[in-house]
N, C-alpha and C. Protein backbone atom coordinates (compact mmCIF):
# COMPACT_ATOMS: atom_id res chain seq x y z
N MET A 1 -89.74 -6.65 -38.74
CA MET A 1 -88.52 -7.30 -39.17
C MET A 1 -87.79 -6.42 -40.16
N SER A 2 -86.50 -6.48 -40.05
CA SER A 2 -85.72 -5.67 -40.97
C SER A 2 -85.15 -6.55 -42.08
N ASP A 3 -84.90 -5.94 -43.17
CA ASP A 3 -84.33 -6.65 -44.33
C ASP A 3 -82.82 -6.73 -44.15
N THR A 4 -82.29 -7.94 -43.85
CA THR A 4 -80.86 -8.10 -43.59
C THR A 4 -80.02 -8.10 -44.86
N SER A 5 -80.62 -8.43 -45.99
CA SER A 5 -79.83 -8.47 -47.22
C SER A 5 -79.37 -7.09 -47.65
N SER A 6 -80.12 -6.09 -47.29
CA SER A 6 -79.70 -4.74 -47.67
C SER A 6 -78.61 -4.23 -46.74
N GLN A 7 -78.43 -4.88 -45.61
CA GLN A 7 -77.43 -4.45 -44.65
C GLN A 7 -76.07 -5.12 -44.89
N LEU A 8 -76.00 -6.13 -45.76
CA LEU A 8 -74.75 -6.83 -46.02
C LEU A 8 -73.82 -5.96 -46.85
N SER A 9 -72.56 -6.01 -46.54
CA SER A 9 -71.59 -5.26 -47.33
C SER A 9 -71.43 -5.95 -48.70
N PRO A 10 -70.91 -5.21 -49.69
CA PRO A 10 -70.74 -5.81 -51.02
C PRO A 10 -69.84 -7.04 -51.00
N SER A 11 -68.90 -7.12 -50.10
CA SER A 11 -67.98 -8.27 -50.07
C SER A 11 -68.63 -9.52 -49.50
N THR A 12 -69.72 -9.39 -48.77
CA THR A 12 -70.37 -10.56 -48.21
C THR A 12 -71.58 -11.00 -49.01
N LYS A 13 -71.93 -10.27 -50.04
CA LYS A 13 -73.03 -10.69 -50.89
C LYS A 13 -72.62 -11.92 -51.68
N ARG A 14 -73.56 -12.73 -51.99
CA ARG A 14 -73.29 -13.95 -52.77
C ARG A 14 -72.82 -13.61 -54.16
N PHE A 15 -71.83 -14.42 -54.60
CA PHE A 15 -71.34 -14.27 -55.96
C PHE A 15 -72.35 -14.89 -56.91
N ARG A 16 -72.67 -14.17 -57.94
CA ARG A 16 -73.65 -14.65 -58.89
C ARG A 16 -72.98 -14.86 -60.25
N ILE A 17 -73.09 -16.07 -60.80
CA ILE A 17 -72.52 -16.37 -62.10
C ILE A 17 -73.52 -15.97 -63.17
N ARG A 18 -73.03 -15.17 -64.07
CA ARG A 18 -73.89 -14.70 -65.15
C ARG A 18 -73.71 -15.61 -66.38
N PRO A 19 -74.70 -15.71 -67.22
CA PRO A 19 -74.60 -16.60 -68.40
C PRO A 19 -73.40 -16.29 -69.29
N TRP A 20 -73.06 -15.05 -69.49
CA TRP A 20 -71.94 -14.71 -70.36
C TRP A 20 -70.62 -15.22 -69.77
N GLN A 21 -70.51 -15.30 -68.43
CA GLN A 21 -69.31 -15.82 -67.79
C GLN A 21 -69.15 -17.32 -68.06
N ILE A 22 -70.24 -18.02 -68.09
CA ILE A 22 -70.21 -19.45 -68.41
C ILE A 22 -69.73 -19.65 -69.84
N VAL A 23 -70.24 -18.84 -70.75
CA VAL A 23 -69.83 -18.94 -72.16
C VAL A 23 -68.35 -18.64 -72.31
N VAL A 24 -67.88 -17.60 -71.66
CA VAL A 24 -66.46 -17.24 -71.74
C VAL A 24 -65.59 -18.36 -71.16
N ALA A 25 -65.98 -18.89 -70.01
CA ALA A 25 -65.21 -19.98 -69.39
C ALA A 25 -65.18 -21.21 -70.30
N PHE A 26 -66.30 -21.50 -70.92
CA PHE A 26 -66.36 -22.65 -71.84
C PHE A 26 -65.45 -22.42 -73.04
N LEU A 27 -65.47 -21.23 -73.60
CA LEU A 27 -64.61 -20.94 -74.77
C LEU A 27 -63.13 -21.00 -74.39
N VAL A 28 -62.78 -20.50 -73.21
CA VAL A 28 -61.39 -20.58 -72.75
C VAL A 28 -60.98 -22.04 -72.58
N PHE A 29 -61.85 -22.85 -72.00
CA PHE A 29 -61.58 -24.28 -71.83
C PHE A 29 -61.36 -24.95 -73.18
N ILE A 30 -62.22 -24.70 -74.14
CA ILE A 30 -62.08 -25.29 -75.48
C ILE A 30 -60.76 -24.86 -76.11
N PHE A 31 -60.42 -23.58 -75.99
CA PHE A 31 -59.17 -23.09 -76.55
C PHE A 31 -57.97 -23.82 -75.93
N ILE A 32 -57.97 -23.99 -74.62
CA ILE A 32 -56.86 -24.67 -73.93
C ILE A 32 -56.76 -26.12 -74.39
N VAL A 33 -57.87 -26.80 -74.52
CA VAL A 33 -57.86 -28.20 -74.95
C VAL A 33 -57.34 -28.31 -76.38
N VAL A 34 -57.81 -27.48 -77.27
CA VAL A 34 -57.38 -27.53 -78.68
C VAL A 34 -55.91 -27.15 -78.80
N ALA A 35 -55.51 -26.06 -78.17
CA ALA A 35 -54.10 -25.62 -78.25
C ALA A 35 -53.18 -26.65 -77.61
N GLY A 36 -53.58 -27.21 -76.48
CA GLY A 36 -52.77 -28.24 -75.82
C GLY A 36 -52.66 -29.49 -76.66
N GLY A 37 -53.75 -29.90 -77.28
CA GLY A 37 -53.73 -31.07 -78.16
C GLY A 37 -52.83 -30.86 -79.36
N TRP A 38 -52.94 -29.68 -79.97
CA TRP A 38 -52.10 -29.37 -81.12
C TRP A 38 -50.63 -29.36 -80.72
N TYR A 39 -50.31 -28.73 -79.59
CA TYR A 39 -48.93 -28.67 -79.14
C TYR A 39 -48.39 -30.07 -78.85
N PHE A 40 -49.19 -30.89 -78.14
CA PHE A 40 -48.76 -32.24 -77.82
C PHE A 40 -48.52 -33.04 -79.10
N TYR A 41 -49.40 -32.91 -80.08
CA TYR A 41 -49.23 -33.63 -81.35
C TYR A 41 -47.95 -33.19 -82.04
N LYS A 42 -47.71 -31.89 -82.12
CA LYS A 42 -46.50 -31.40 -82.79
C LYS A 42 -45.24 -31.76 -82.01
N ALA A 43 -45.32 -31.72 -80.68
CA ALA A 43 -44.14 -32.02 -79.86
C ALA A 43 -43.77 -33.49 -79.92
N THR A 44 -44.74 -34.36 -80.15
CA THR A 44 -44.45 -35.79 -80.19
C THR A 44 -44.25 -36.32 -81.61
N GLU A 45 -44.41 -35.46 -82.61
CA GLU A 45 -44.24 -35.91 -83.99
C GLU A 45 -42.86 -36.50 -84.28
N PRO A 46 -41.77 -35.86 -83.85
CA PRO A 46 -40.45 -36.47 -84.12
C PRO A 46 -40.33 -37.88 -83.53
N HIS A 47 -40.88 -38.08 -82.35
CA HIS A 47 -40.81 -39.41 -81.73
C HIS A 47 -41.60 -40.43 -82.55
N ARG A 48 -42.81 -40.07 -82.95
CA ARG A 48 -43.64 -41.00 -83.74
C ARG A 48 -42.96 -41.33 -85.06
N ARG A 49 -42.41 -40.34 -85.72
CA ARG A 49 -41.74 -40.57 -87.00
C ARG A 49 -40.48 -41.42 -86.83
N SER A 50 -39.75 -41.16 -85.75
CA SER A 50 -38.54 -41.92 -85.47
C SER A 50 -38.87 -43.39 -85.22
N GLU A 51 -39.97 -43.64 -84.52
CA GLU A 51 -40.40 -45.02 -84.26
C GLU A 51 -40.76 -45.73 -85.57
N ALA A 52 -41.36 -45.01 -86.49
CA ALA A 52 -41.71 -45.60 -87.79
C ALA A 52 -40.44 -45.97 -88.56
N VAL A 53 -39.43 -45.11 -88.51
CA VAL A 53 -38.15 -45.40 -89.17
C VAL A 53 -37.50 -46.62 -88.51
N TRP A 54 -37.56 -46.67 -87.19
CA TRP A 54 -37.01 -47.82 -86.45
C TRP A 54 -37.63 -49.12 -86.96
N ALA A 55 -38.94 -49.13 -87.09
CA ALA A 55 -39.65 -50.34 -87.55
C ALA A 55 -39.20 -50.73 -88.96
N LEU A 56 -38.98 -49.76 -89.82
CA LEU A 56 -38.52 -50.06 -91.18
C LEU A 56 -37.12 -50.69 -91.16
N ILE A 57 -36.26 -50.15 -90.31
CA ILE A 57 -34.90 -50.69 -90.22
C ILE A 57 -34.94 -52.12 -89.68
N VAL A 58 -35.71 -52.36 -88.64
CA VAL A 58 -35.81 -53.70 -88.06
C VAL A 58 -36.40 -54.68 -89.07
N SER A 59 -37.29 -54.21 -89.93
CA SER A 59 -37.91 -55.09 -90.94
C SER A 59 -36.89 -55.65 -91.92
N LEU A 60 -35.74 -55.01 -92.02
CA LEU A 60 -34.70 -55.49 -92.94
C LEU A 60 -34.20 -56.88 -92.58
N LYS A 61 -34.29 -57.26 -91.32
CA LYS A 61 -33.74 -58.57 -90.92
C LYS A 61 -34.45 -59.71 -91.64
N ASP A 62 -35.68 -59.49 -92.05
CA ASP A 62 -36.44 -60.53 -92.76
C ASP A 62 -36.32 -60.43 -94.27
N ARG A 63 -35.44 -59.56 -94.75
CA ARG A 63 -35.30 -59.36 -96.20
C ARG A 63 -33.86 -59.58 -96.66
N ARG A 64 -33.23 -60.58 -96.11
CA ARG A 64 -31.83 -60.86 -96.43
C ARG A 64 -31.65 -61.17 -97.92
N PRO A 65 -30.72 -60.49 -98.57
CA PRO A 65 -30.40 -60.83 -99.96
C PRO A 65 -29.74 -62.20 -100.02
N PRO A 66 -30.00 -62.99 -101.05
CA PRO A 66 -29.47 -64.36 -101.10
C PRO A 66 -27.94 -64.43 -101.15
N GLU A 67 -27.27 -63.41 -101.65
CA GLU A 67 -25.81 -63.47 -101.76
C GLU A 67 -25.10 -63.08 -100.45
N ILE A 68 -25.86 -62.72 -99.43
CA ILE A 68 -25.28 -62.33 -98.15
C ILE A 68 -25.68 -63.38 -97.11
N THR A 69 -24.70 -63.83 -96.31
CA THR A 69 -25.00 -64.86 -95.31
C THR A 69 -25.87 -64.28 -94.19
N ARG A 70 -26.48 -65.18 -93.44
CA ARG A 70 -27.30 -64.77 -92.31
C ARG A 70 -26.48 -63.97 -91.31
N GLY A 71 -25.28 -64.44 -91.05
CA GLY A 71 -24.40 -63.75 -90.11
C GLY A 71 -24.05 -62.34 -90.56
N GLN A 72 -23.72 -62.21 -91.84
CA GLN A 72 -23.36 -60.90 -92.38
C GLN A 72 -24.56 -59.94 -92.34
N TRP A 73 -25.71 -60.43 -92.77
CA TRP A 73 -26.89 -59.56 -92.81
C TRP A 73 -27.33 -59.20 -91.39
N GLY A 74 -27.24 -60.14 -90.48
CA GLY A 74 -27.58 -59.85 -89.09
C GLY A 74 -26.71 -58.74 -88.51
N SER A 75 -25.42 -58.79 -88.81
CA SER A 75 -24.51 -57.73 -88.34
C SER A 75 -24.85 -56.39 -88.99
N ALA A 76 -25.10 -56.40 -90.28
CA ALA A 76 -25.41 -55.15 -90.98
C ALA A 76 -26.67 -54.50 -90.43
N VAL A 77 -27.70 -55.30 -90.23
CA VAL A 77 -28.98 -54.75 -89.72
C VAL A 77 -28.82 -54.31 -88.27
N ALA A 78 -28.10 -55.08 -87.47
CA ALA A 78 -27.90 -54.71 -86.06
C ALA A 78 -27.12 -53.41 -85.94
N TRP A 79 -26.08 -53.26 -86.72
CA TRP A 79 -25.31 -52.01 -86.69
C TRP A 79 -26.16 -50.83 -87.15
N THR A 80 -27.01 -51.07 -88.14
CA THR A 80 -27.88 -49.99 -88.64
C THR A 80 -28.94 -49.64 -87.60
N ARG A 81 -29.43 -50.65 -86.92
CA ARG A 81 -30.37 -50.41 -85.81
C ARG A 81 -29.70 -49.58 -84.72
N ASN A 82 -28.45 -49.90 -84.41
CA ASN A 82 -27.70 -49.11 -83.42
C ASN A 82 -27.46 -47.69 -83.90
N LEU A 83 -27.20 -47.55 -85.18
CA LEU A 83 -27.04 -46.21 -85.76
C LEU A 83 -28.29 -45.39 -85.46
N HIS A 84 -29.45 -45.97 -85.70
CA HIS A 84 -30.69 -45.25 -85.45
C HIS A 84 -30.83 -44.91 -83.97
N ALA A 85 -30.61 -45.89 -83.10
CA ALA A 85 -30.80 -45.69 -81.67
C ALA A 85 -29.83 -44.65 -81.10
N ASN A 86 -28.62 -44.60 -81.64
CA ASN A 86 -27.61 -43.70 -81.09
C ASN A 86 -27.48 -42.37 -81.82
N SER A 87 -28.25 -42.18 -82.86
CA SER A 87 -28.11 -40.94 -83.63
C SER A 87 -28.90 -39.79 -83.02
N LEU A 88 -29.81 -40.08 -82.11
CA LEU A 88 -30.65 -39.05 -81.48
C LEU A 88 -31.50 -38.32 -82.52
N LEU A 89 -31.91 -39.04 -83.54
CA LEU A 89 -32.67 -38.47 -84.63
C LEU A 89 -33.88 -37.69 -84.14
N LYS A 90 -34.65 -38.26 -83.22
CA LYS A 90 -35.89 -37.61 -82.78
C LYS A 90 -35.63 -36.36 -81.95
N PHE A 91 -34.41 -36.16 -81.48
CA PHE A 91 -34.09 -34.96 -80.72
C PHE A 91 -33.37 -33.91 -81.57
N GLU A 92 -32.74 -34.35 -82.63
CA GLU A 92 -31.92 -33.43 -83.42
C GLU A 92 -32.53 -33.07 -84.77
N ALA A 93 -33.63 -33.70 -85.12
CA ALA A 93 -34.31 -33.37 -86.38
C ALA A 93 -35.78 -33.13 -86.07
N ASP A 94 -36.40 -32.29 -86.85
CA ASP A 94 -37.81 -32.02 -86.60
C ASP A 94 -38.69 -33.05 -87.30
N GLY A 95 -39.97 -33.03 -86.96
CA GLY A 95 -40.92 -34.01 -87.50
C GLY A 95 -40.96 -34.06 -89.01
N PRO A 96 -41.09 -32.92 -89.70
CA PRO A 96 -41.14 -32.97 -91.16
C PRO A 96 -39.86 -33.53 -91.80
N THR A 97 -38.71 -33.24 -91.22
CA THR A 97 -37.45 -33.78 -91.75
C THR A 97 -37.41 -35.30 -91.62
N ILE A 98 -37.82 -35.78 -90.45
CA ILE A 98 -37.83 -37.23 -90.23
C ILE A 98 -38.89 -37.88 -91.13
N ALA A 99 -40.03 -37.22 -91.30
CA ALA A 99 -41.10 -37.75 -92.16
C ALA A 99 -40.61 -37.87 -93.60
N ALA A 100 -39.87 -36.87 -94.06
CA ALA A 100 -39.33 -36.92 -95.43
C ALA A 100 -38.35 -38.08 -95.58
N PHE A 101 -37.50 -38.28 -94.56
CA PHE A 101 -36.57 -39.40 -94.59
C PHE A 101 -37.33 -40.72 -94.57
N GLU A 102 -38.35 -40.80 -93.74
CA GLU A 102 -39.16 -42.03 -93.67
C GLU A 102 -39.75 -42.36 -95.05
N GLN A 103 -40.23 -41.36 -95.76
CA GLN A 103 -40.80 -41.60 -97.09
C GLN A 103 -39.73 -42.05 -98.07
N ARG A 104 -38.54 -41.43 -98.02
CA ARG A 104 -37.44 -41.87 -98.90
C ARG A 104 -37.05 -43.30 -98.58
N LEU A 105 -37.02 -43.64 -97.29
CA LEU A 105 -36.66 -44.99 -96.89
C LEU A 105 -37.71 -46.00 -97.35
N ARG A 106 -38.98 -45.66 -97.18
CA ARG A 106 -40.05 -46.55 -97.65
C ARG A 106 -39.91 -46.80 -99.15
N LYS A 107 -39.66 -45.74 -99.89
CA LYS A 107 -39.52 -45.88 -101.35
C LYS A 107 -38.31 -46.76 -101.68
N ARG A 108 -37.23 -46.56 -100.96
CA ARG A 108 -36.02 -47.34 -101.18
C ARG A 108 -36.26 -48.83 -100.87
N LEU A 109 -37.07 -49.09 -99.85
CA LEU A 109 -37.32 -50.47 -99.44
C LEU A 109 -38.37 -51.17 -100.30
N GLU A 110 -39.00 -50.44 -101.21
CA GLU A 110 -39.96 -51.07 -102.12
C GLU A 110 -39.26 -52.04 -103.07
N GLY A 111 -38.03 -51.72 -103.39
CA GLY A 111 -37.26 -52.57 -104.30
C GLY A 111 -36.43 -53.58 -103.55
N ARG A 112 -35.45 -54.10 -104.24
CA ARG A 112 -34.55 -55.10 -103.66
C ARG A 112 -33.62 -54.42 -102.66
N VAL A 113 -33.38 -55.07 -101.55
CA VAL A 113 -32.45 -54.54 -100.56
C VAL A 113 -31.16 -55.34 -100.60
N ASP A 114 -30.04 -54.66 -100.32
CA ASP A 114 -28.74 -55.29 -100.25
C ASP A 114 -27.82 -54.38 -99.45
N MET A 115 -26.53 -54.59 -99.51
CA MET A 115 -25.60 -53.77 -98.74
C MET A 115 -25.60 -52.31 -99.20
N ARG A 116 -25.97 -52.07 -100.45
CA ARG A 116 -26.08 -50.67 -100.89
C ARG A 116 -27.19 -49.96 -100.13
N THR A 117 -28.22 -50.69 -99.76
CA THR A 117 -29.32 -50.11 -98.97
C THR A 117 -28.79 -49.70 -97.59
N ILE A 118 -28.01 -50.57 -96.99
CA ILE A 118 -27.42 -50.27 -95.67
C ILE A 118 -26.51 -49.03 -95.79
N ASP A 119 -25.66 -49.00 -96.81
CA ASP A 119 -24.78 -47.83 -97.03
C ASP A 119 -25.60 -46.56 -97.21
N TRP A 120 -26.67 -46.65 -97.97
CA TRP A 120 -27.53 -45.49 -98.22
C TRP A 120 -28.12 -44.97 -96.90
N ILE A 121 -28.60 -45.89 -96.06
CA ILE A 121 -29.19 -45.48 -94.77
C ILE A 121 -28.13 -44.76 -93.94
N TRP A 122 -26.92 -45.32 -93.88
CA TRP A 122 -25.86 -44.68 -93.10
C TRP A 122 -25.54 -43.28 -93.65
N ASP A 123 -25.50 -43.16 -94.97
CA ASP A 123 -25.24 -41.85 -95.57
C ASP A 123 -26.35 -40.84 -95.24
N GLU A 124 -27.58 -41.31 -95.23
CA GLU A 124 -28.70 -40.44 -94.90
C GLU A 124 -28.58 -39.92 -93.46
N TYR A 125 -28.25 -40.80 -92.53
CA TYR A 125 -28.11 -40.38 -91.14
C TYR A 125 -27.00 -39.37 -90.97
N ALA A 126 -25.94 -39.52 -91.76
CA ALA A 126 -24.82 -38.57 -91.67
C ALA A 126 -25.27 -37.16 -92.00
N SER A 127 -26.26 -37.04 -92.87
CA SER A 127 -26.73 -35.70 -93.24
C SER A 127 -27.96 -35.25 -92.45
N LEU A 128 -28.63 -36.18 -91.77
CA LEU A 128 -29.86 -35.83 -91.05
C LEU A 128 -29.62 -35.15 -89.71
N CYS A 129 -28.61 -35.60 -88.98
CA CYS A 129 -28.44 -35.06 -87.63
C CYS A 129 -26.98 -35.18 -87.19
N PRO A 130 -26.55 -34.31 -86.28
CA PRO A 130 -25.15 -34.32 -85.84
C PRO A 130 -24.69 -35.66 -85.26
N HIS A 131 -25.51 -36.29 -84.43
CA HIS A 131 -25.09 -37.58 -83.87
C HIS A 131 -25.02 -38.66 -84.95
N GLY A 132 -25.87 -38.56 -85.96
CA GLY A 132 -25.80 -39.48 -87.08
C GLY A 132 -24.48 -39.33 -87.82
N ALA A 133 -24.02 -38.09 -87.95
CA ALA A 133 -22.73 -37.83 -88.60
C ALA A 133 -21.59 -38.36 -87.74
N ARG A 134 -21.67 -38.15 -86.43
CA ARG A 134 -20.61 -38.63 -85.54
C ARG A 134 -20.56 -40.16 -85.47
N TYR A 135 -21.70 -40.80 -85.62
CA TYR A 135 -21.75 -42.26 -85.53
C TYR A 135 -21.08 -42.94 -86.73
N GLN A 136 -20.80 -42.19 -87.76
CA GLN A 136 -20.15 -42.74 -88.95
C GLN A 136 -18.79 -43.35 -88.62
N ARG A 137 -18.22 -42.96 -87.49
CA ARG A 137 -16.91 -43.51 -87.10
C ARG A 137 -16.98 -45.02 -86.87
N PHE A 138 -18.19 -45.56 -86.68
CA PHE A 138 -18.36 -47.00 -86.47
C PHE A 138 -18.61 -47.77 -87.76
N LYS A 139 -18.73 -47.06 -88.87
CA LYS A 139 -19.05 -47.74 -90.13
C LYS A 139 -17.96 -48.73 -90.52
N GLU A 140 -16.72 -48.35 -90.37
CA GLU A 140 -15.60 -49.24 -90.71
C GLU A 140 -15.62 -50.48 -89.81
N GLN A 141 -15.94 -50.29 -88.54
CA GLN A 141 -16.04 -51.42 -87.61
C GLN A 141 -17.16 -52.35 -88.05
N MET A 142 -18.28 -51.78 -88.49
CA MET A 142 -19.39 -52.61 -88.98
C MET A 142 -18.95 -53.42 -90.20
N LEU A 143 -18.28 -52.78 -91.13
CA LEU A 143 -17.85 -53.47 -92.34
C LEU A 143 -16.85 -54.58 -92.02
N ASP A 144 -15.95 -54.34 -91.06
CA ASP A 144 -15.01 -55.38 -90.64
C ASP A 144 -15.75 -56.56 -90.02
N GLU A 145 -16.74 -56.28 -89.19
CA GLU A 145 -17.49 -57.36 -88.56
C GLU A 145 -18.28 -58.16 -89.60
N ILE A 146 -18.83 -57.47 -90.58
CA ILE A 146 -19.58 -58.16 -91.65
C ILE A 146 -18.64 -59.09 -92.41
N GLU A 147 -17.45 -58.61 -92.69
CA GLU A 147 -16.48 -59.42 -93.43
C GLU A 147 -16.06 -60.66 -92.65
N ARG A 148 -15.95 -60.56 -91.33
CA ARG A 148 -15.51 -61.69 -90.50
C ARG A 148 -16.66 -62.61 -90.09
N ALA A 149 -17.89 -62.20 -90.28
CA ALA A 149 -19.04 -62.98 -89.79
C ALA A 149 -19.14 -64.32 -90.50
N GLY A 150 -19.35 -65.34 -89.69
CA GLY A 150 -19.58 -66.67 -90.26
C GLY A 150 -20.99 -66.76 -90.83
N PRO A 151 -21.25 -67.76 -91.63
CA PRO A 151 -22.54 -67.85 -92.31
C PRO A 151 -23.75 -67.87 -91.37
N ASP A 152 -23.59 -68.48 -90.21
CA ASP A 152 -24.72 -68.58 -89.28
C ASP A 152 -24.48 -67.86 -87.97
N ASP A 153 -23.48 -66.99 -87.91
CA ASP A 153 -23.24 -66.22 -86.69
C ASP A 153 -24.47 -65.36 -86.39
N ASP A 154 -24.75 -65.25 -85.12
CA ASP A 154 -25.87 -64.40 -84.71
C ASP A 154 -25.52 -63.72 -83.40
N ARG A 155 -24.39 -63.03 -83.41
CA ARG A 155 -23.93 -62.42 -82.17
C ARG A 155 -24.81 -61.29 -81.69
N TRP A 156 -25.69 -60.79 -82.52
CA TRP A 156 -26.58 -59.70 -82.13
C TRP A 156 -27.99 -60.22 -81.79
N GLY A 157 -28.24 -61.50 -81.98
CA GLY A 157 -29.57 -62.03 -81.70
C GLY A 157 -30.63 -61.55 -82.66
N MET A 158 -30.27 -61.40 -83.93
CA MET A 158 -31.19 -60.85 -84.92
C MET A 158 -32.13 -61.91 -85.51
N ASN A 159 -31.76 -63.17 -85.40
CA ASN A 159 -32.59 -64.26 -85.97
C ASN A 159 -32.95 -64.00 -87.43
N VAL A 160 -31.94 -63.69 -88.20
CA VAL A 160 -32.13 -63.45 -89.63
C VAL A 160 -32.55 -64.72 -90.32
N ARG A 161 -33.44 -64.62 -91.25
CA ARG A 161 -33.92 -65.80 -92.00
C ARG A 161 -33.12 -66.00 -93.25
């Protein structure tokens, strides 16, 4: 009998995985997972921060100042909510910028809220992102609506308390 394995060409010999190849493949896999995770976290940071700001703005509906009617406060909060939604904050500002704004907003909301708080938020958006600055054209319309709002108007469905 002849030995057929010695007659096989190098291209038909079985591929043999060596231990060092397994280690290299494992390290490459770990690198891809870690780098991909880091990139995904950084890429989604503006969205996560923007959602946190959204929640803070919506929370204002339950903090109506006593000197402002339900209708007026509902309009102010709804317009401010629209400001956030239409400013494209998460696309036009980076995560750290939005995080810094979120912290300033949290600090501002620790105290008493009133129409000065709403004005402050609008001013912040004007400096945070281009769409926030462009949305300022609706501020006068918001103020007119607040002035005309009846005590129990709820045209935005805010259910202010």
